[in-house]
């Protein structure tokens, strides 16, 4: 049968899903609170951070795990294996449910969501759990085997992302490079960092994070009745620009990047439900979406772009990817209703926003990783969850929302979504 005939058959046969029916949408998501490295969740391994969040999103929507096509999870510092599969089995999912773990470093969680969206659009499946997890506190030690002393370990702090001939700076040094190259001064970085803490504190006090957080039994809790961890550890109510001015440069003498305008490593997990428009319709009709989330809105996936960039200026990679994405889709940056960026360093967020000509006060309106912390594999998924949460309370039908992240090695990833109050 020809392609044209197939398309005509699909349009007239209700049992054959059309491209519109297969349109990917993000329905709902949950996460753990984010704990500082060495903090409240420092004894909880990545699989045990992730498993309760997987269980929660399934329970929220009354989903039967048997119908899940795949669980796709981003992770950056794990010890290999297949963390997604391990966690879903620990969550009690049937052995028939597969799992896939992906690594695009800081972009891993967003990459997992984009991959799930692409699979739905291709007709490979109609229901995916996607997101990311990181336990910086329990990440395994890494070492090379020494050829000069067989069996002896040569420990290293981080993996290589580019050859020396291209340039492979540490993340903080790369942030200094970006600040210098794009003219992002110390005062502007500190102001943005202070803003992140202020907005995250305000959002927490307003209860904005409560519906999404799954309590995790952390270090101090016990089977004798200790309380689960339900509050992000990172946001600091007293951190302001005056205090930030006292931080010395952390990565280069006379530099502008400090511990105060950089993120802290964190432990946490984020999972969202990615499904087809047709499946979303069914959930709305059954009342499951309304019951689980307090609303029926969706983020319809529009497109995504990954981009390569100079590893020495890796912090601007997100802006490069977003610029290409907006050009390809024909959506002007001025028309974006919501923008979320992974805040590894204030310098790189500001540079990426400058690249696409988005004012900094339009982005990350509930704070970001500068305040909440940066669980590498999960942060890219958190920006999608932030878009969904904010769209439910602020956006109008048809509004566009952008998620972007700059990634080690000179990479950027950006994804564009469209808000719809009711999936029809």
Foldseek 3Di string as FASTA:
>chain_A
DDPVVVQVCLVVDVVRDHLQQLFKWFQAKFKAFKAFQVGFALVPAFLQQAQVRVLQVCVLLVHQLVQAAEEEEEAAQADDDFSQLSSPVVNVRDNNHYYHYDYQWLQQFLVFVQVLSVCSSVVVHFKYKGFYWFNPSPRDWDFDADPVDGPDTHTDDDDFQDDVVQNADDPLQLLLVLCVVQVPALLNLQQLLQQLLQLQVVCVVVVLNQLRHDFANTDPDDPVGGGGDHHQPFRDNPRHSVVVVPFARDPDHVTRFGLLQFFGAIGMIMIIMMGGLNVLQVSVVVCSSCRSPVASKIWGWDDKFKDFARLSNLLQQQLVRVVVVCVVVVPQPVQAQEEEEARRGSSSVVNSCVSSVHDPCRYDSNHHRSGRNRSSRRRQVVRVNVVVSCCQPDNDFQHKYKYKYGGRSGMIMMTMTTMDRHRD
